[in-house]
PDB file of N, CA and C in Angstrom:
ATOM      1  N   MET A   1     -89.598 -68.257-127.988  1.00  0.00           N
ATOM      2  CA  MET A   1     -88.957 -69.177-128.906  1.00  0.00           C
ATOM      3  C   MET A   1     -87.493 -69.329-128.511  1.00  0.00           C
ATOM      4  N   PHE A   2     -86.887 -70.386-128.965  1.00  0.00           N
ATOM      5  CA  PHE A   2     -85.471 -70.648-128.721  1.00  0.00           C
ATOM      6  C   PHE A   2     -84.736 -70.438-130.035  1.00  0.00           C
ATOM      7  N   VAL A   3     -83.629 -69.697-129.991  1.00  0.00           N
ATOM      8  CA  VAL A   3     -82.859 -69.465-131.214  1.00  0.00           C
ATOM      9  C   VAL A   3     -81.400 -69.839-131.000  1.00  0.00           C
ATOM     10  N   ILE A   4     -80.787 -70.256-132.079  1.00  0.00           N
ATOM     11  CA  ILE A   4     -79.337 -70.422-132.156  1.00  0.00           C
ATOM     12  C   ILE A   4     -78.889 -69.450-133.228  1.00  0.00           C
ATOM     13  N   LEU A   5     -77.989 -68.563-132.882  1.00  0.00           N
ATOM     14  CA  LEU A   5     -77.511 -67.547-133.810  1.00  0.00           C
ATOM     15  C   LEU A   5     -76.009 -67.718-133.990  1.00  0.00           C
ATOM     16  N   THR A   6     -75.582 -67.793-135.228  1.00  0.00           N
ATOM     17  CA  THR A   6     -74.154 -67.881-135.540  1.00  0.00           C
ATOM     18  C   THR A   6     -73.783 -66.714-136.433  1.00  0.00           C
ATOM     19  N   TYR A   7     -72.537 -66.306-136.351  1.00  0.00           N
ATOM     20  CA  TYR A   7     -72.116 -65.186-137.184  1.00  0.00           C
ATOM     21  C   TYR A   7     -70.715 -65.400-137.722  1.00  0.00           C
ATOM     22  N   ASP A   8     -70.477 -64.807-138.871  1.00  0.00           N
ATOM     23  CA  ASP A   8     -69.156 -64.756-139.495  1.00  0.00           C
ATOM     24  C   ASP A   8     -69.011 -63.329-140.004  1.00  0.00           C
ATOM     25  N   VAL A   9     -68.324 -62.502-139.227  1.00  0.00           N
ATOM     26  CA  VAL A   9     -68.179 -61.090-139.577  1.00  0.00           C
ATOM     27  C   VAL A   9     -66.706 -60.717-139.619  1.00  0.00           C
ATOM     28  N   ASP A  10     -66.424 -59.631-140.296  1.00  0.00           N
ATOM     29  CA  ASP A  10     -65.055 -59.126-140.370  1.00  0.00           C
ATOM     30  C   ASP A  10     -64.519 -58.886-138.962  1.00  0.00           C
ATOM     31  N   VAL A  11     -63.256 -59.147-138.765  1.00  0.00           N
ATOM     32  CA  VAL A  11     -62.623 -59.028-137.451  1.00  0.00           C
ATOM     33  C   VAL A  11     -62.836 -57.636-136.849  1.00  0.00           C
ATOM     34  N   LYS A  12     -62.985 -56.611-137.674  1.00  0.00           N
ATOM     35  CA  LYS A  12     -63.201 -55.247-137.176  1.00  0.00           C
ATOM     36  C   LYS A  12     -64.540 -55.111-136.453  1.00  0.00           C
ATOM     37  N   ARG A  13     -65.480 -56.002-136.753  1.00  0.00           N
ATOM     38  CA  ARG A  13     -66.821 -55.897-136.181  1.00  0.00           C
ATOM     39  C   ARG A  13     -67.135 -56.987-135.156  1.00  0.00           C
ATOM     40  N   VAL A  14     -66.248 -57.925-134.952  1.00  0.00           N
ATOM     41  CA  VAL A  14     -66.518 -59.059-134.054  1.00  0.00           C
ATOM     42  C   VAL A  14     -66.872 -58.596-132.647  1.00  0.00           C
ATOM     43  N   ASN A  15     -66.089 -57.723-132.057  1.00  0.00           N
ATOM     44  CA  ASN A  15     -66.345 -57.297-130.677  1.00  0.00           C
ATOM     45  C   ASN A  15     -67.659 -56.546-130.545  1.00  0.00           C
ATOM     46  N   LYS A  16     -68.002 -55.724-131.523  1.00  0.00           N
ATOM     47  CA  LYS A  16     -69.278 -55.003-131.483  1.00  0.00           C
ATOM     48  C   LYS A  16     -70.449 -55.974-131.546  1.00  0.00           C
ATOM     49  N   ILE A  17     -70.361 -56.949-132.450  1.00  0.00           N
ATOM     50  CA  ILE A  17     -71.433 -57.936-132.590  1.00  0.00           C
ATOM     51  C   ILE A  17     -71.550 -58.771-131.323  1.00  0.00           C
ATOM     52  N   ARG A  18     -70.437 -59.245-130.798  1.00  0.00           N
ATOM     53  CA  ARG A  18     -70.458 -60.075-129.586  1.00  0.00           C
ATOM     54  C   ARG A  18     -71.071 -59.308-128.417  1.00  0.00           C
ATOM     55  N   LYS A  19     -70.652 -58.068-128.236  1.00  0.00           N
ATOM     56  CA  LYS A  19     -71.173 -57.250-127.136  1.00  0.00           C
ATOM     57  C   LYS A  19     -72.681 -57.045-127.283  1.00  0.00           C
ATOM     58  N   LEU A  20     -73.134 -56.788-128.480  1.00  0.00           N
ATOM     59  CA  LEU A  20     -74.561 -56.600-128.726  1.00  0.00           C
ATOM     60  C   LEU A  20     -75.342 -57.881-128.442  1.00  0.00           C
ATOM     61  N   LEU A  21     -74.887 -59.000-128.978  1.00  0.00           N
ATOM     62  CA  LEU A  21     -75.616 -60.255-128.822  1.00  0.00           C
ATOM     63  C   LEU A  21     -75.673 -60.715-127.371  1.00  0.00           C
ATOM     64  N   LYS A  22     -74.654 -60.383-126.575  1.00  0.00           N
ATOM     65  CA  LYS A  22     -74.645 -60.771-125.163  1.00  0.00           C
ATOM     66  C   LYS A  22     -75.770 -60.096-124.385  1.00  0.00           C
ATOM     67  N   LYS A  23     -76.333 -59.011-124.921  1.00  0.00           N
ATOM     68  CA  LYS A  23     -77.472 -58.352-124.273  1.00  0.00           C
ATOM     69  C   LYS A  23     -78.746 -59.180-124.421  1.00  0.00           C
ATOM     70  N   TYR A  24     -78.789 -60.053-125.418  1.00  0.00           N
ATOM     71  CA  TYR A  24     -80.014 -60.766-125.755  1.00  0.00           C
ATOM     72  C   TYR A  24     -79.942 -62.281-125.561  1.00  0.00           C
ATOM     73  N   LEU A  25     -78.757 -62.868-125.761  1.00  0.00           N
ATOM     74  CA  LEU A  25     -78.617 -64.325-125.779  1.00  0.00           C
ATOM     75  C   LEU A  25     -77.398 -64.755-124.971  1.00  0.00           C
ATOM     76  N   THR A  26     -77.222 -66.055-124.824  1.00  0.00           N
ATOM     77  CA  THR A  26     -76.087 -66.618-124.087  1.00  0.00           C
ATOM     78  C   THR A  26     -74.989 -67.005-125.070  1.00  0.00           C
ATOM     79  N   TRP A  27     -73.793 -66.533-124.800  1.00  0.00           N
ATOM     80  CA  TRP A  27     -72.623 -66.842-125.631  1.00  0.00           C
ATOM     81  C   TRP A  27     -72.175 -68.251-125.270  1.00  0.00           C
ATOM     82  N   THR A  28     -72.258 -69.179-126.221  1.00  0.00           N
ATOM     83  CA  THR A  28     -71.932 -70.575-125.920  1.00  0.00           C
ATOM     84  C   THR A  28     -70.629 -71.046-126.537  1.00  0.00           C
ATOM     85  N   GLN A  29     -70.199 -70.403-127.588  1.00  0.00           N
ATOM     86  CA  GLN A  29     -68.969 -70.796-128.264  1.00  0.00           C
ATOM     87  C   GLN A  29     -68.571 -69.650-129.185  1.00  0.00           C
ATOM     88  N   ASN A  30     -67.323 -69.626-129.635  1.00  0.00           N
ATOM     89  CA  ASN A  30     -66.918 -68.575-130.567  1.00  0.00           C
ATOM     90  C   ASN A  30     -67.936 -68.472-131.695  1.00  0.00           C
ATOM     91  N   SER A  31     -68.464 -67.298-131.903  1.00  0.00           N
ATOM     92  CA  SER A  31     -69.416 -66.995-132.981  1.00  0.00           C
ATOM     93  C   SER A  31     -70.755 -67.702-132.859  1.00  0.00           C
ATOM     94  N   VAL A  32     -71.098 -68.201-131.667  1.00  0.00           N
ATOM     95  CA  VAL A  32     -72.380 -68.888-131.474  1.00  0.00           C
ATOM     96  C   VAL A  32     -73.060 -68.377-130.205  1.00  0.00           C
ATOM     97  N   PHE A  33     -74.331 -68.003-130.358  1.00  0.00           N
ATOM     98  CA  PHE A  33     -75.173 -67.596-129.243  1.00  0.00           C
ATOM     99  C   PHE A  33     -76.449 -68.416-129.296  1.00  0.00           C
ATOM    100  N   GLU A  34     -77.075 -68.604-128.123  1.00  0.00           N
ATOM    101  CA  GLU A  34     -78.341 -69.326-128.092  1.00  0.00           C
ATOM    102  C   GLU A  34     -79.154 -68.853-126.907  1.00  0.00           C
ATOM    103  N   GLY A  35     -80.456 -69.132-126.950  1.00  0.00           N
ATOM    104  CA  GLY A  35     -81.295 -68.821-125.808  1.00  0.00           C
ATOM    105  C   GLY A  35     -82.736 -68.554-126.161  1.00  0.00           C
ATOM    106  N   GLU A  36     -83.547 -68.445-125.108  1.00  0.00           N
ATOM    107  CA  GLU A  36     -84.957 -68.100-125.240  1.00  0.00           C
ATOM    108  C   GLU A  36     -85.060 -66.594-125.474  1.00  0.00           C
ATOM    109  N   ILE A  37     -85.918 -66.210-126.417  1.00  0.00           N
ATOM    110  CA  ILE A  37     -86.095 -64.800-126.736  1.00  0.00           C
ATOM    111  C   ILE A  37     -87.465 -64.616-127.377  1.00  0.00           C
ATOM    112  N   SER A  38     -88.110 -63.510-127.074  1.00  0.00           N
ATOM    113  CA  SER A  38     -89.404 -63.228-127.699  1.00  0.00           C
ATOM    114  C   SER A  38     -89.175 -62.747-129.130  1.00  0.00           C
ATOM    115  N   GLN A  39     -90.213 -62.823-129.938  1.00  0.00           N
ATOM    116  CA  GLN A  39     -90.094 -62.356-131.320  1.00  0.00           C
ATOM    117  C   GLN A  39     -89.768 -60.866-131.355  1.00  0.00           C
ATOM    118  N   GLY A  40     -90.369 -60.097-130.460  1.00  0.00           N
ATOM    119  CA  GLY A  40     -90.099 -58.663-130.402  1.00  0.00           C
ATOM    120  C   GLY A  40     -88.646 -58.357-130.076  1.00  0.00           C
ATOM    121  N   LYS A  41     -88.103 -59.047-129.075  1.00  0.00           N
ATOM    122  CA  LYS A  41     -86.695 -58.845-128.698  1.00  0.00           C
ATOM    123  C   LYS A  41     -85.763 -59.305-129.812  1.00  0.00           C
ATOM    124  N   LEU A  42     -86.112 -60.408-130.474  1.00  0.00           N
ATOM    125  CA  LEU A  42     -85.291 -60.882-131.585  1.00  0.00           C
ATOM    126  C   LEU A  42     -85.285 -59.853-132.710  1.00  0.00           C
ATOM    127  N   ASN A  43     -86.446 -59.297-133.022  1.00  0.00           N
ATOM    128  CA  ASN A  43     -86.518 -58.265-134.060  1.00  0.00           C
ATOM    129  C   ASN A  43     -85.673 -57.055-133.690  1.00  0.00           C
ATOM    130  N   GLN A  44     -85.730 -56.651-132.419  1.00  0.00           N
ATOM    131  CA  GLN A  44     -84.930 -55.525-131.940  1.00  0.00           C
ATOM    132  C   GLN A  44     -83.443 -55.838-132.073  1.00  0.00           C
ATOM    133  N   CYS A  45     -83.050 -57.031-131.660  1.00  0.00           N
ATOM    134  CA  CYS A  45     -81.657 -57.469-131.749  1.00  0.00           C
ATOM    135  C   CYS A  45     -81.173 -57.439-133.196  1.00  0.00           C
ATOM    136  N   LEU A  46     -81.964 -58.021-134.095  1.00  0.00           N
ATOM    137  CA  LEU A  46     -81.548 -58.095-135.498  1.00  0.00           C
ATOM    138  C   LEU A  46     -81.492 -56.719-136.148  1.00  0.00           C
ATOM    139  N   SER A  47     -82.350 -55.817-135.718  1.00  0.00           N
ATOM    140  CA  SER A  47     -82.299 -54.442-136.217  1.00  0.00           C
ATOM    141  C   SER A  47     -80.973 -53.789-135.825  1.00  0.00           C
ATOM    142  N   GLU A  48     -80.546 -54.021-134.585  1.00  0.00           N
ATOM    143  CA  GLU A  48     -79.267 -53.479-134.119  1.00  0.00           C
ATOM    144  C   GLU A  48     -78.101 -54.143-134.848  1.00  0.00           C
ATOM    145  N   VAL A  49     -78.209 -55.444-135.091  1.00  0.00           N
ATOM    146  CA  VAL A  49     -77.166 -56.167-135.824  1.00  0.00           C
ATOM    147  C   VAL A  49     -77.003 -55.578-137.223  1.00  0.00           C
ATOM    148  N   GLU A  50     -78.130 -55.300-137.884  1.00  0.00           N
ATOM    149  CA  GLU A  50     -78.079 -54.764-139.249  1.00  0.00           C
ATOM    150  C   GLU A  50     -77.380 -53.413-139.316  1.00  0.00           C
ATOM    151  N   ASN A  51     -77.387 -52.673-138.206  1.00  0.00           N
ATOM    152  CA  ASN A  51     -76.693 -51.385-138.166  1.00  0.00           C
ATOM    153  C   ASN A  51     -75.181 -51.538-138.033  1.00  0.00           C
ATOM    154  N   ILE A  52     -74.720 -52.734-137.693  1.00  0.00           N
ATOM    155  CA  ILE A  52     -73.288 -52.978-137.492  1.00  0.00           C
ATOM    156  C   ILE A  52     -72.657 -53.709-138.671  1.00  0.00           C
ATOM    157  N   ILE A  53     -73.349 -54.714-139.195  1.00  0.00           N
ATOM    158  CA  ILE A  53     -72.723 -55.576-140.202  1.00  0.00           C
ATOM    159  C   ILE A  53     -72.668 -54.925-141.581  1.00  0.00           C
ATOM    160  N   ASP A  54     -71.798 -55.478-142.395  1.00  0.00           N
ATOM    161  CA  ASP A  54     -71.715 -55.142-143.816  1.00  0.00           C
ATOM    162  C   ASP A  54     -72.348 -56.319-144.553  1.00  0.00           C
ATOM    163  N   LYS A  55     -73.568 -56.126-145.063  1.00  0.00           N
ATOM    164  CA  LYS A  55     -74.310 -57.231-145.677  1.00  0.00           C
ATOM    165  C   LYS A  55     -73.632 -57.799-146.917  1.00  0.00           C
ATOM    166  N   SER A  56     -72.711 -57.068-147.496  1.00  0.00           N
ATOM    167  CA  SER A  56     -72.006 -57.587-148.669  1.00  0.00           C
ATOM    168  C   SER A  56     -70.838 -58.494-148.276  1.00  0.00           C
ATOM    169  N   TYR A  57     -70.522 -58.544-146.973  1.00  0.00           N
ATOM    170  CA  TYR A  57     -69.371 -59.323-146.521  1.00  0.00           C
ATOM    171  C   TYR A  57     -69.714 -60.273-145.366  1.00  0.00           C
ATOM    172  N   ASP A  58     -70.476 -59.807-144.393  1.00  0.00           N
ATOM    173  CA  ASP A  58     -70.752 -60.551-143.165  1.00  0.00           C
ATOM    174  C   ASP A  58     -71.970 -61.463-143.314  1.00  0.00           C
ATOM    175  N   SER A  59     -72.036 -62.485-142.445  1.00  0.00           N
ATOM    176  CA  SER A  59     -73.174 -63.409-142.435  1.00  0.00           C
ATOM    177  C   SER A  59     -73.663 -63.632-141.012  1.00  0.00           C
ATOM    178  N   ILE A  60     -74.983 -63.637-140.857  1.00  0.00           N
ATOM    179  CA  ILE A  60     -75.635 -63.969-139.597  1.00  0.00           C
ATOM    180  C   ILE A  60     -76.642 -65.067-139.914  1.00  0.00           C
ATOM    181  N   TYR A  61     -76.580 -66.188-139.193  1.00  0.00           N
ATOM    182  CA  TYR A  61     -77.539 -67.284-139.382  1.00  0.00           C
ATOM    183  C   TYR A  61     -78.357 -67.405-138.104  1.00  0.00           C
ATOM    184  N   ILE A  62     -79.681 -67.455-138.241  1.00  0.00           N
ATOM    185  CA  ILE A  62     -80.572 -67.602-137.098  1.00  0.00           C
ATOM    186  C   ILE A  62     -81.406 -68.861-137.293  1.00  0.00           C
ATOM    187  N   TYR A  63     -81.300 -69.778-136.348  1.00  0.00           N
ATOM    188  CA  TYR A  63     -82.087 -71.006-136.368  1.00  0.00           C
ATOM    189  C   TYR A  63     -83.169 -70.874-135.300  1.00  0.00           C
ATOM    190  N   ASN A  64     -84.435 -70.904-135.705  1.00  0.00           N
ATOM    191  CA  ASN A  64     -85.566 -70.749-134.791  1.00  0.00           C
ATOM    192  C   ASN A  64     -86.157 -72.104-134.425  1.00  0.00           C
ATOM    193  N   VAL A  65     -86.419 -72.271-133.136  1.00  0.00           N
ATOM    194  CA  VAL A  65     -87.072 -73.477-132.642  1.00  0.00           C
ATOM    195  C   VAL A  65     -88.210 -73.007-131.731  1.00  0.00           C
ATOM    196  N   LYS A  66     -89.359 -73.626-131.834  1.00  0.00           N
ATOM    197  CA  LYS A  66     -90.510 -73.193-131.030  1.00  0.00           C
ATOM    198  C   LYS A  66     -90.220 -73.253-129.532  1.00  0.00           C
ATOM    199  N   SER A  67     -89.476 -74.274-129.100  1.00  0.00           N
ATOM    200  CA  SER A  67     -89.184 -74.431-127.680  1.00  0.00           C
ATOM    201  C   SER A  67     -87.872 -75.190-127.502  1.00  0.00           C
ATOM    202  N   SER A  68     -87.128 -74.820-126.467  1.00  0.00           N
ATOM    203  CA  SER A  68     -85.851 -75.495-126.202  1.00  0.00           C
ATOM    204  C   SER A  68     -86.048 -76.957-125.809  1.00  0.00           C
ATOM    205  N   LYS A  69     -87.260 -77.336-125.398  1.00  0.00           N
ATOM    206  CA  LYS A  69     -87.490 -78.735-125.017  1.00  0.00           C
ATOM    207  C   LYS A  69     -87.418 -79.681-126.210  1.00  0.00           C
ATOM    208  N   PHE A  70     -87.442 -79.131-127.418  1.00  0.00           N
ATOM    209  CA  PHE A  70     -87.350 -79.953-128.620  1.00  0.00           C
ATOM    210  C   PHE A  70     -85.915 -80.086-129.132  1.00  0.00           C
ATOM    211  N   ILE A  71     -84.955 -79.576-128.362  1.00  0.00           N
ATOM    212  CA  ILE A  71     -83.552 -79.632-128.769  1.00  0.00           C
ATOM    213  C   ILE A  71     -82.783 -80.523-127.801  1.00  0.00           C
ATOM    214  N   SER A  72     -81.978 -81.382-128.352  1.00  0.00           N
ATOM    215  CA  SER A  72     -81.056 -82.177-127.562  1.00  0.00           C
ATOM    216  C   SER A  72     -79.655 -81.733-127.959  1.00  0.00           C
ATOM    217  N   LYS A  73     -78.874 -81.310-126.982  1.00  0.00           N
ATOM    218  CA  LYS A  73     -77.527 -80.827-127.285  1.00  0.00           C
ATOM    219  C   LYS A  73     -76.506 -81.756-126.658  1.00  0.00           C
ATOM    220  N   ASP A  74     -75.637 -82.290-127.477  1.00  0.00           N
ATOM    221  CA  ASP A  74     -74.513 -83.099-127.016  1.00  0.00           C
ATOM    222  C   ASP A  74     -73.239 -82.305-127.262  1.00  0.00           C
ATOM    223  N   ILE A  75     -72.315 -82.391-126.337  1.00  0.00           N
ATOM    224  CA  ILE A  75     -71.052 -81.666-126.457  1.00  0.00           C
ATOM    225  C   ILE A  75     -69.918 -82.675-126.492  1.00  0.00           C
ATOM    226  N   LEU A  76     -69.114 -82.612-127.523  1.00  0.00           N
ATOM    227  CA  LEU A  76     -67.910 -83.436-127.621  1.00  0.00           C
ATOM    228  C   LEU A  76     -66.730 -82.532-127.313  1.00  0.00           C
ATOM    229  N   GLY A  77     -65.901 -82.909-126.389  1.00  0.00           N
ATOM    230  CA  GLY A  77     -64.777 -82.065-126.013  1.00  0.00           C
ATOM    231  C   GLY A  77     -65.173 -81.100-124.910  1.00  0.00           C
ATOM    232  N   GLU A  78     -64.424 -80.025-124.786  1.00  0.00           N
ATOM    233  CA  GLU A  78     -64.605 -79.055-123.714  1.00  0.00           C
ATOM    234  C   GLU A  78     -65.887 -78.254-123.887  1.00  0.00           C
ATOM    235  N   ASN A  79     -66.637 -78.094-122.799  1.00  0.00           N
ATOM    236  CA  ASN A  79     -67.830 -77.256-122.794  1.00  0.00           C
ATOM    237  C   ASN A  79     -67.379 -75.807-122.634  1.00  0.00           C
ATOM    238  N   LYS A  80     -67.440 -75.044-123.692  1.00  0.00           N
ATOM    239  CA  LYS A  80     -66.974 -73.659-123.670  1.00  0.00           C
ATOM    240  C   LYS A  80     -68.135 -72.715-123.397  1.00  0.00           C
ATOM    241  N   ASN A  81     -68.654 -72.784-122.183  1.00  0.00           N
ATOM    242  CA  ASN A  81     -69.723 -71.873-121.801  1.00  0.00           C
ATOM    243  C   ASN A  81     -69.067 -70.581-121.339  1.00  0.00           C
ATOM    244  N   PHE A  82     -68.878 -69.657-122.262  1.00  0.00           N
ATOM    245  CA  PHE A  82     -68.119 -68.439-122.017  1.00  0.00           C
ATOM    246  C   PHE A  82     -68.729 -67.569-120.933  1.00  0.00           C
ATOM    247  N   ASP A  83     -70.038 -67.513-120.825  1.00  0.00           N
ATOM    248  CA  ASP A  83     -70.662 -66.669-119.813  1.00  0.00           C
ATOM    249  C   ASP A  83     -70.268 -67.088-118.409  1.00  0.00           C
ATOM    250  N   GLU A  84     -70.111 -68.381-118.170  1.00  0.00           N
ATOM    251  CA  GLU A  84     -69.731 -68.853-116.846  1.00  0.00           C
ATOM    252  C   GLU A  84     -68.311 -68.445-116.473  1.00  0.00           C
ATOM    253  N   LEU A  85     -67.464 -68.189-117.447  1.00  0.00           N
ATOM    254  CA  LEU A  85     -66.086 -67.798-117.163  1.00  0.00           C
ATOM    255  C   LEU A  85     -66.004 -66.436-116.493  1.00  0.00           C
ATOM    256  N   PHE A  86     -67.028 -65.612-116.665  1.00  0.00           N
ATOM    257  CA  PHE A  86     -66.973 -64.239-116.182  1.00  0.00           C
ATOM    258  C   PHE A  86     -67.923 -63.973-115.030  1.00  0.00           C
ATOM    259  N   LEU A  87     -68.551 -65.002-114.492  1.00  0.00           N
ATOM    260  CA  LEU A  87     -69.480 -64.813-113.372  1.00  0.00           C
ATOM    261  C   LEU A  87     -68.762 -64.848-112.060  1.00  0.00           C
TER     262      LEU A  87
END
C-alpha cells in the first residue's frame, strides 16, 4: 500500500520521530513522509511511533491508498525532496 504520513509533535520529539520514519518512508517535506509499505511494516512503524509520542499532545495522520498509481501529485514551488539532499 502507499501511505502519506504527517505529524505535528512537540519540538523535543521531532528529531526522534523523523529519524524513525526515515527507516520506513521517504521524507518529502517538513513533517511529511510518503511511500510504499506493507501492512506489517506500517504496524511496526506505528508501534515504534507510539513509544515516542505523547498522545495527549502530539498528532500523527496516516492516509492509506491501495496503490501509488491512483495518486497524482502536483508541486507548486520548490520540490523539497529532502532525501535527495543527502545522497
